[in-house]
Amino acid sequence: VAMGGGFEIALACDLIIASDNAIFALPEPRVGLAALAGGLHRLPRQIGLKQAMGMILTARRVSAQEGLELGFVNEVVPQAELMDAARRWAGQILECSPLSIRASKAAVMNGLDEANLEAAMDLKLEAVRTLFNSEDFIEGPKAFAEKRAPNWKGR
């Protein structure tokens, strides 16, 4: 169960892997409060204004499957397989260049603050400069051309 602050913490995460019995909600309006720890701002960015307002204004509980359909859950698995699924996702991320992951996340998150796509694409991010000047930037295409797994150094 991720309700109130627990759901707000989940919304702050890059990924949500949920068990098939998980429930999500921002129930604060039912007790005269508001989800002011980021939920009111993150949820509409992740699922769109109308869907978010439907959840927020009614304090409606959402199943993991509905969360997947709405777009704030990445994968739903049986409870017994939850840790294996999370480890699988983590393993796939760890196969990628750490500098590329850092630069990609910075570009996505900073781009959300821009008024349009062109402005987002024009951002000059330090993480991207670091990536372009790294050994990993050379290693990735080289490993691909040599048909081998890359040896990421994170520099």
N, C-alpha and C. Protein backbone atom coordinates (compact mmCIF):
# COMPACT_ATOMS: atom_id res chain seq x y z
N VAL A 1 0.85 -1.18 0.00
CA VAL A 1 0.00 0.00 0.00
C VAL A 1 0.89 1.24 0.00
N ALA A 2 0.69 2.10 -0.99
CA ALA A 2 1.42 3.37 -1.07
C ALA A 2 0.37 4.47 -1.14
N MET A 3 0.05 4.99 0.03
CA MET A 3 -0.97 6.03 0.10
C MET A 3 -0.37 7.26 0.78
N GLY A 4 -0.84 8.43 0.36
CA GLY A 4 -0.35 9.67 0.96
C GLY A 4 1.13 9.83 0.71
N GLY A 5 1.88 10.05 1.79
CA GLY A 5 3.32 10.26 1.68
C GLY A 5 4.05 9.10 1.03
N GLY A 6 3.59 7.88 1.24
CA GLY A 6 4.21 6.73 0.61
C GLY A 6 4.09 6.77 -0.91
N PHE A 7 2.92 7.19 -1.40
CA PHE A 7 2.73 7.33 -2.84
C PHE A 7 3.56 8.50 -3.37
N GLU A 8 3.66 9.57 -2.58
CA GLU A 8 4.46 10.72 -3.00
C GLU A 8 5.93 10.32 -3.14
N ILE A 9 6.43 9.49 -2.24
CA ILE A 9 7.80 8.99 -2.35
C ILE A 9 7.94 8.14 -3.61
N ALA A 10 6.97 7.25 -3.85
CA ALA A 10 7.02 6.41 -5.05
C ALA A 10 7.02 7.25 -6.32
N LEU A 11 6.21 8.31 -6.35
CA LEU A 11 6.16 9.19 -7.52
C LEU A 11 7.48 9.91 -7.77
N ALA A 12 8.28 10.07 -6.72
CA ALA A 12 9.59 10.72 -6.86
C ALA A 12 10.65 9.77 -7.42
N CYS A 13 10.33 8.49 -7.50
CA CYS A 13 11.28 7.49 -8.00
C CYS A 13 11.28 7.47 -9.52
N ASP A 14 12.38 7.01 -10.10
CA ASP A 14 12.48 6.90 -11.55
C ASP A 14 11.60 5.78 -12.10
N LEU A 15 11.44 4.73 -11.34
CA LEU A 15 10.67 3.56 -11.76
C LEU A 15 9.79 3.08 -10.62
N ILE A 16 8.65 2.49 -10.97
CA ILE A 16 7.82 1.84 -9.96
C ILE A 16 7.53 0.43 -10.45
N ILE A 17 8.04 -0.56 -9.74
CA ILE A 17 7.74 -1.96 -9.97
C ILE A 17 6.80 -2.35 -8.84
N ALA A 18 5.59 -2.75 -9.18
CA ALA A 18 4.56 -2.97 -8.16
C ALA A 18 4.11 -4.42 -8.12
N SER A 19 3.79 -4.89 -6.91
CA SER A 19 3.19 -6.21 -6.79
C SER A 19 1.73 -6.11 -7.22
N ASP A 20 1.18 -7.23 -7.65
CA ASP A 20 -0.18 -7.22 -8.18
C ASP A 20 -1.24 -6.87 -7.13
N ASN A 21 -0.87 -6.83 -5.87
CA ASN A 21 -1.83 -6.45 -4.83
C ASN A 21 -1.60 -5.03 -4.30
N ALA A 22 -0.73 -4.26 -4.96
CA ALA A 22 -0.43 -2.90 -4.50
C ALA A 22 -1.61 -1.95 -4.76
N ILE A 23 -1.75 -0.98 -3.87
CA ILE A 23 -2.77 0.06 -3.98
C ILE A 23 -2.06 1.41 -3.84
N PHE A 24 -2.47 2.37 -4.66
CA PHE A 24 -1.90 3.72 -4.65
C PHE A 24 -3.01 4.73 -4.48
N ALA A 25 -2.75 5.79 -3.71
CA ALA A 25 -3.74 6.86 -3.55
C ALA A 25 -3.12 8.07 -2.88
N LEU A 26 -3.76 9.20 -3.12
CA LEU A 26 -3.48 10.44 -2.38
C LEU A 26 -4.76 10.76 -1.61
N PRO A 27 -4.95 10.15 -0.42
CA PRO A 27 -6.21 10.26 0.31
C PRO A 27 -6.36 11.52 1.16
N GLU A 28 -5.39 12.42 1.11
CA GLU A 28 -5.38 13.59 1.99
C GLU A 28 -6.68 14.38 1.99
N PRO A 29 -7.35 14.60 0.84
CA PRO A 29 -8.60 15.38 0.87
C PRO A 29 -9.70 14.78 1.75
N ARG A 30 -9.66 13.48 1.96
CA ARG A 30 -10.68 12.83 2.81
C ARG A 30 -10.53 13.20 4.28
N VAL A 31 -9.34 13.72 4.64
CA VAL A 31 -9.12 14.12 6.04
C VAL A 31 -8.76 15.60 6.15
N GLY A 32 -9.11 16.36 5.12
CA GLY A 32 -8.91 17.80 5.17
C GLY A 32 -7.49 18.27 4.95
N LEU A 33 -6.67 17.44 4.31
CA LEU A 33 -5.27 17.80 4.05
C LEU A 33 -5.02 17.86 2.54
N ALA A 34 -3.81 18.10 2.16
CA ALA A 34 -3.41 18.10 0.75
C ALA A 34 -2.05 17.42 0.64
N ALA A 35 -1.81 16.76 -0.48
CA ALA A 35 -0.56 16.03 -0.72
C ALA A 35 0.53 17.02 -1.15
N LEU A 36 1.09 17.72 -0.18
CA LEU A 36 2.01 18.82 -0.45
C LEU A 36 3.48 18.43 -0.46
N ALA A 37 3.76 17.13 -0.44
CA ALA A 37 5.16 16.68 -0.50
C ALA A 37 5.54 16.29 -1.92
N GLY A 38 4.85 16.85 -2.90
CA GLY A 38 5.20 16.61 -4.30
C GLY A 38 4.16 15.84 -5.10
N GLY A 39 3.27 15.15 -4.43
CA GLY A 39 2.28 14.35 -5.14
C GLY A 39 1.38 15.16 -6.06
N LEU A 40 0.98 16.35 -5.61
CA LEU A 40 0.09 17.19 -6.41
C LEU A 40 0.77 17.70 -7.67
N HIS A 41 2.08 17.71 -7.69
CA HIS A 41 2.83 18.21 -8.84
C HIS A 41 3.38 17.07 -9.70
N ARG A 42 3.80 15.99 -9.07
CA ARG A 42 4.40 14.89 -9.83
C ARG A 42 3.34 14.06 -10.57
N LEU A 43 2.21 13.80 -9.92
CA LEU A 43 1.21 12.93 -10.54
C LEU A 43 0.72 13.47 -11.88
N PRO A 44 0.34 14.76 -12.00
CA PRO A 44 -0.11 15.26 -13.31
C PRO A 44 0.99 15.22 -14.37
N ARG A 45 2.22 15.37 -13.98
CA ARG A 45 3.33 15.29 -14.94
C ARG A 45 3.49 13.86 -15.46
N GLN A 46 3.10 12.90 -14.64
CA GLN A 46 3.32 11.50 -15.02
C GLN A 46 2.14 10.87 -15.74
N ILE A 47 0.92 11.32 -15.44
CA ILE A 47 -0.24 10.66 -16.06
C ILE A 47 -1.17 11.63 -16.77
N GLY A 48 -0.84 12.90 -16.79
CA GLY A 48 -1.72 13.88 -17.44
C GLY A 48 -2.66 14.53 -16.43
N LEU A 49 -3.09 15.73 -16.77
CA LEU A 49 -3.89 16.54 -15.85
C LEU A 49 -5.22 15.90 -15.49
N LYS A 50 -6.00 15.48 -16.45
CA LYS A 50 -7.36 14.98 -16.16
C LYS A 50 -7.33 13.71 -15.33
N GLN A 51 -6.46 12.78 -15.67
CA GLN A 51 -6.38 11.54 -14.89
C GLN A 51 -5.91 11.85 -13.47
N ALA A 52 -4.92 12.73 -13.34
CA ALA A 52 -4.41 13.09 -12.01
C ALA A 52 -5.48 13.78 -11.19
N MET A 53 -6.18 14.73 -11.80
CA MET A 53 -7.24 15.44 -11.06
C MET A 53 -8.32 14.46 -10.61
N GLY A 54 -8.63 13.48 -11.43
CA GLY A 54 -9.60 12.47 -11.04
C GLY A 54 -9.17 11.73 -9.79
N MET A 55 -7.91 11.36 -9.72
CA MET A 55 -7.40 10.68 -8.53
C MET A 55 -7.32 11.63 -7.34
N ILE A 56 -6.80 12.84 -7.57
CA ILE A 56 -6.56 13.78 -6.47
C ILE A 56 -7.86 14.29 -5.86
N LEU A 57 -8.80 14.71 -6.69
CA LEU A 57 -10.03 15.34 -6.18
C LEU A 57 -10.99 14.35 -5.54
N THR A 58 -10.86 13.07 -5.89
CA THR A 58 -11.74 12.06 -5.29
C THR A 58 -11.03 11.20 -4.25
N ALA A 59 -9.72 11.35 -4.14
CA ALA A 59 -8.90 10.52 -3.25
C ALA A 59 -9.04 9.04 -3.59
N ARG A 60 -9.29 8.77 -4.88
CA ARG A 60 -9.55 7.41 -5.36
C ARG A 60 -8.33 6.52 -5.23
N ARG A 61 -8.58 5.29 -4.80
CA ARG A 61 -7.54 4.27 -4.72
C ARG A 61 -7.40 3.61 -6.08
N VAL A 62 -6.15 3.35 -6.46
CA VAL A 62 -5.84 2.80 -7.77
C VAL A 62 -5.04 1.51 -7.59
N SER A 63 -5.45 0.46 -8.28
CA SER A 63 -4.71 -0.80 -8.23
C SER A 63 -3.40 -0.68 -9.01
N ALA A 64 -2.52 -1.63 -8.79
CA ALA A 64 -1.25 -1.65 -9.52
C ALA A 64 -1.51 -1.75 -11.02
N GLN A 65 -2.48 -2.57 -11.42
CA GLN A 65 -2.79 -2.73 -12.84
C GLN A 65 -3.28 -1.41 -13.44
N GLU A 66 -4.14 -0.70 -12.71
CA GLU A 66 -4.60 0.60 -13.21
C GLU A 66 -3.45 1.60 -13.25
N GLY A 67 -2.56 1.54 -12.26
CA GLY A 67 -1.37 2.39 -12.27
C GLY A 67 -0.52 2.15 -13.51
N LEU A 68 -0.42 0.88 -13.92
CA LEU A 68 0.30 0.53 -15.14
C LEU A 68 -0.39 1.15 -16.35
N GLU A 69 -1.71 1.01 -16.40
CA GLU A 69 -2.48 1.56 -17.52
C GLU A 69 -2.41 3.08 -17.55
N LEU A 70 -2.41 3.72 -16.38
CA LEU A 70 -2.31 5.18 -16.32
C LEU A 70 -0.90 5.67 -16.66
N GLY A 71 0.10 4.85 -16.37
CA GLY A 71 1.46 5.19 -16.75
C GLY A 71 2.41 5.54 -15.62
N PHE A 72 1.99 5.44 -14.37
CA PHE A 72 2.95 5.73 -13.29
C PHE A 72 3.59 4.47 -12.74
N VAL A 73 3.15 3.30 -13.17
CA VAL A 73 3.77 2.03 -12.80
C VAL A 73 4.44 1.47 -14.05
N ASN A 74 5.66 0.97 -13.91
CA ASN A 74 6.39 0.40 -15.04
C ASN A 74 6.07 -1.07 -15.28
N GLU A 75 5.88 -1.82 -14.19
CA GLU A 75 5.62 -3.25 -14.33
C GLU A 75 4.86 -3.74 -13.11
N VAL A 76 3.94 -4.67 -13.34
CA VAL A 76 3.19 -5.32 -12.26
C VAL A 76 3.56 -6.80 -12.27
N VAL A 77 3.93 -7.31 -11.10
CA VAL A 77 4.32 -8.71 -10.98
C VAL A 77 3.66 -9.31 -9.74
N PRO A 78 3.53 -10.64 -9.67
CA PRO A 78 3.04 -11.26 -8.44
C PRO A 78 3.94 -10.90 -7.26
N GLN A 79 3.35 -10.80 -6.09
CA GLN A 79 4.07 -10.41 -4.87
C GLN A 79 5.35 -11.22 -4.69
N ALA A 80 5.28 -12.53 -4.93
CA ALA A 80 6.44 -13.40 -4.72
C ALA A 80 7.58 -13.11 -5.69
N GLU A 81 7.30 -12.42 -6.80
CA GLU A 81 8.32 -12.14 -7.81
C GLU A 81 8.81 -10.69 -7.78
N LEU A 82 8.35 -9.91 -6.80
CA LEU A 82 8.65 -8.48 -6.78
C LEU A 82 10.15 -8.19 -6.71
N MET A 83 10.86 -8.80 -5.79
CA MET A 83 12.29 -8.52 -5.65
C MET A 83 13.07 -8.98 -6.89
N ASP A 84 12.67 -10.13 -7.45
CA ASP A 84 13.34 -10.60 -8.67
C ASP A 84 13.14 -9.60 -9.81
N ALA A 85 11.93 -9.06 -9.93
CA ALA A 85 11.66 -8.08 -10.98
C ALA A 85 12.46 -6.81 -10.76
N ALA A 86 12.52 -6.34 -9.52
CA ALA A 86 13.29 -5.13 -9.22
C ALA A 86 14.77 -5.35 -9.52
N ARG A 87 15.28 -6.53 -9.18
CA ARG A 87 16.68 -6.84 -9.46
C ARG A 87 16.93 -6.93 -10.97
N ARG A 88 15.95 -7.46 -11.71
CA ARG A 88 16.09 -7.53 -13.16
C ARG A 88 16.20 -6.13 -13.76
N TRP A 89 15.31 -5.22 -13.32
CA TRP A 89 15.38 -3.83 -13.79
C TRP A 89 16.72 -3.20 -13.41
N ALA A 90 17.16 -3.41 -12.18
CA ALA A 90 18.43 -2.85 -11.73
C ALA A 90 19.58 -3.41 -12.56
N GLY A 91 19.54 -4.70 -12.84
CA GLY A 91 20.58 -5.32 -13.65
C GLY A 91 20.65 -4.73 -15.05
N GLN A 92 19.48 -4.48 -15.64
CA GLN A 92 19.45 -3.88 -16.98
C GLN A 92 20.03 -2.47 -16.96
N ILE A 93 19.75 -1.73 -15.91
CA ILE A 93 20.30 -0.38 -15.79
C ILE A 93 21.82 -0.45 -15.61
N LEU A 94 22.26 -1.41 -14.79
CA LEU A 94 23.70 -1.55 -14.53
C LEU A 94 24.49 -1.98 -15.77
N GLU A 95 23.82 -2.55 -16.76
CA GLU A 95 24.49 -2.90 -18.01
C GLU A 95 24.81 -1.66 -18.85
N CYS A 96 24.17 -0.56 -18.54
CA CYS A 96 24.35 0.68 -19.29
C CYS A 96 25.47 1.52 -18.70
N SER A 97 25.96 2.44 -19.50
CA SER A 97 27.01 3.36 -19.04
C SER A 97 26.47 4.23 -17.92
N PRO A 98 27.15 4.27 -16.77
CA PRO A 98 26.67 5.11 -15.67
C PRO A 98 26.64 6.59 -16.04
N LEU A 99 27.58 7.04 -16.85
CA LEU A 99 27.58 8.44 -17.27
C LEU A 99 26.42 8.73 -18.21
N SER A 100 26.10 7.76 -19.06
CA SER A 100 24.97 7.92 -19.97
C SER A 100 23.65 7.95 -19.20
N ILE A 101 23.53 7.09 -18.21
CA ILE A 101 22.34 7.08 -17.36
C ILE A 101 22.20 8.43 -16.67
N ARG A 102 23.29 8.93 -16.09
CA ARG A 102 23.26 10.21 -15.38
C ARG A 102 22.88 11.35 -16.34
N ALA A 103 23.49 11.39 -17.52
CA ALA A 103 23.21 12.45 -18.49
C ALA A 103 21.78 12.35 -19.01
N SER A 104 21.32 11.14 -19.26
CA SER A 104 19.95 10.95 -19.75
C SER A 104 18.93 11.42 -18.73
N LYS A 105 19.15 11.03 -17.48
CA LYS A 105 18.22 11.45 -16.43
C LYS A 105 18.24 12.97 -16.26
N ALA A 106 19.42 13.57 -16.28
CA ALA A 106 19.51 15.03 -16.15
C ALA A 106 18.78 15.72 -17.29
N ALA A 107 18.95 15.22 -18.52
CA ALA A 107 18.29 15.83 -19.67
C ALA A 107 16.77 15.71 -19.56
N VAL A 108 16.29 14.55 -19.16
CA VAL A 108 14.84 14.36 -19.00
C VAL A 108 14.29 15.29 -17.92
N MET A 109 14.88 15.23 -16.75
CA MET A 109 14.33 16.00 -15.62
C MET A 109 14.43 17.51 -15.84
N ASN A 110 15.56 17.99 -16.34
CA ASN A 110 15.69 19.42 -16.61
C ASN A 110 14.82 19.86 -17.77
N GLY A 111 14.65 18.99 -18.75
CA GLY A 111 13.81 19.31 -19.90
C GLY A 111 12.35 19.49 -19.53
N LEU A 112 11.91 18.82 -18.47
CA LEU A 112 10.51 18.96 -18.04
C LEU A 112 10.20 20.39 -17.60
N ASP A 113 11.21 21.13 -17.20
CA ASP A 113 11.00 22.50 -16.74
C ASP A 113 10.96 23.51 -17.88
N GLU A 114 11.24 23.07 -19.09
CA GLU A 114 11.26 23.98 -20.23
C GLU A 114 9.87 24.10 -20.86
N ALA A 115 9.64 25.23 -21.51
CA ALA A 115 8.33 25.53 -22.08
C ALA A 115 8.01 24.69 -23.31
N ASN A 116 9.03 24.29 -24.06
CA ASN A 116 8.78 23.52 -25.28
C ASN A 116 9.96 22.60 -25.57
N LEU A 117 9.76 21.74 -26.56
CA LEU A 117 10.76 20.74 -26.90
C LEU A 117 12.08 21.37 -27.36
N GLU A 118 11.98 22.42 -28.15
CA GLU A 118 13.20 23.06 -28.65
C GLU A 118 14.04 23.60 -27.49
N ALA A 119 13.39 24.25 -26.53
CA ALA A 119 14.12 24.79 -25.38
C ALA A 119 14.76 23.66 -24.57
N ALA A 120 14.03 22.56 -24.42
CA ALA A 120 14.57 21.42 -23.68
C ALA A 120 15.80 20.85 -24.39
N MET A 121 15.73 20.75 -25.71
CA MET A 121 16.84 20.19 -26.47
C MET A 121 18.04 21.13 -26.51
N ASP A 122 17.82 22.41 -26.29
CA ASP A 122 18.91 23.38 -26.29
C ASP A 122 19.67 23.44 -24.96
N LEU A 123 19.17 22.75 -23.94
CA LEU A 123 19.84 22.80 -22.64
C LEU A 123 21.28 22.31 -22.76
N LYS A 124 22.15 23.03 -22.16
CA LYS A 124 23.56 22.63 -22.10
C LYS A 124 23.83 22.10 -20.70
N LEU A 125 23.79 20.80 -20.57
CA LEU A 125 23.89 20.17 -19.26
C LEU A 125 25.31 19.68 -18.98
N GLU A 126 25.76 19.91 -17.77
CA GLU A 126 27.09 19.46 -17.36
C GLU A 126 27.22 17.95 -17.49
N ALA A 127 26.16 17.21 -17.15
CA ALA A 127 26.21 15.75 -17.23
C ALA A 127 26.41 15.29 -18.67
N VAL A 128 25.83 16.00 -19.62
CA VAL A 128 26.00 15.64 -21.03
C VAL A 128 27.42 15.96 -21.49
N ARG A 129 27.95 17.11 -21.08
CA ARG A 129 29.34 17.45 -21.42
C ARG A 129 30.30 16.41 -20.85
N THR A 130 30.05 16.00 -19.61
CA THR A 130 30.90 14.98 -18.98
C THR A 130 30.84 13.68 -19.77
N LEU A 131 29.65 13.28 -20.18
CA LEU A 131 29.49 12.07 -20.98
C LEU A 131 30.28 12.17 -22.28
N PHE A 132 30.10 13.26 -23.01
CA PHE A 132 30.75 13.42 -24.32
C PHE A 132 32.28 13.45 -24.22
N ASN A 133 32.80 13.83 -23.07
CA ASN A 133 34.26 13.90 -22.88
C ASN A 133 34.81 12.68 -22.13
N SER A 134 34.04 11.62 -22.05
CA SER A 134 34.43 10.48 -21.22
C SER A 134 35.02 9.33 -22.04
N GLU A 135 35.71 8.45 -21.32
CA GLU A 135 36.19 7.20 -21.92
C GLU A 135 35.01 6.32 -22.32
N ASP A 136 33.94 6.37 -21.53
CA ASP A 136 32.76 5.55 -21.82
C ASP A 136 32.12 5.94 -23.15
N PHE A 137 32.21 7.22 -23.52
CA PHE A 137 31.64 7.70 -24.79
C PHE A 137 32.35 7.04 -25.97
N ILE A 138 33.61 6.70 -25.79
CA ILE A 138 34.38 6.00 -26.82
C ILE A 138 34.15 4.49 -26.71
N GLU A 139 34.10 3.99 -25.49
CA GLU A 139 33.98 2.55 -25.24
C GLU A 139 32.69 1.97 -25.79
N GLY A 140 31.58 2.65 -25.63
CA GLY A 140 30.28 2.11 -26.06
C GLY A 140 30.24 1.77 -27.54
N PRO A 141 30.46 2.74 -28.43
CA PRO A 141 30.45 2.43 -29.87
C PRO A 141 31.55 1.43 -30.28
N LYS A 142 32.71 1.51 -29.61
CA LYS A 142 33.80 0.58 -29.92
C LYS A 142 33.38 -0.85 -29.58
N ALA A 143 32.80 -1.05 -28.40
CA ALA A 143 32.33 -2.38 -28.00
C ALA A 143 31.24 -2.88 -28.95
N PHE A 144 30.35 -2.00 -29.35
CA PHE A 144 29.29 -2.36 -30.29
C PHE A 144 29.90 -2.84 -31.61
N ALA A 145 30.85 -2.08 -32.14
CA ALA A 145 31.50 -2.44 -33.41
C ALA A 145 32.26 -3.76 -33.30
N GLU A 146 32.82 -4.01 -32.11
CA GLU A 146 33.59 -5.24 -31.90
C GLU A 146 32.72 -6.40 -31.42
N LYS A 147 31.41 -6.16 -31.34
CA LYS A 147 30.43 -7.19 -30.94
C LYS A 147 30.77 -7.83 -29.59
N ARG A 148 31.06 -6.95 -28.62
CA ARG A 148 31.37 -7.41 -27.26
C ARG A 148 30.65 -6.51 -26.27
N ALA A 149 30.57 -6.98 -25.04
CA ALA A 149 29.96 -6.17 -23.98
C ALA A 149 30.91 -5.03 -23.63
N PRO A 150 30.38 -3.84 -23.40
CA PRO A 150 31.25 -2.72 -23.03
C PRO A 150 31.80 -2.88 -21.62
N ASN A 151 32.97 -2.30 -21.41
CA ASN A 151 33.59 -2.27 -20.09
C ASN A 151 33.52 -0.83 -19.59
N TRP A 152 32.42 -0.49 -18.91
CA TRP A 152 32.20 0.88 -18.46
C TRP A 152 33.16 1.23 -17.33
N LYS A 153 33.71 2.41 -17.40
CA LYS A 153 34.61 2.89 -16.35
C LYS A 153 33.97 4.01 -15.53
N GLY A 154 32.91 4.60 -16.04
CA GLY A 154 32.27 5.70 -15.32
C GLY A 154 33.11 6.96 -15.34
N ARG A 155 33.95 7.08 -16.35
CA ARG A 155 34.78 8.29 -16.49
C ARG A 155 35.09 8.52 -17.96
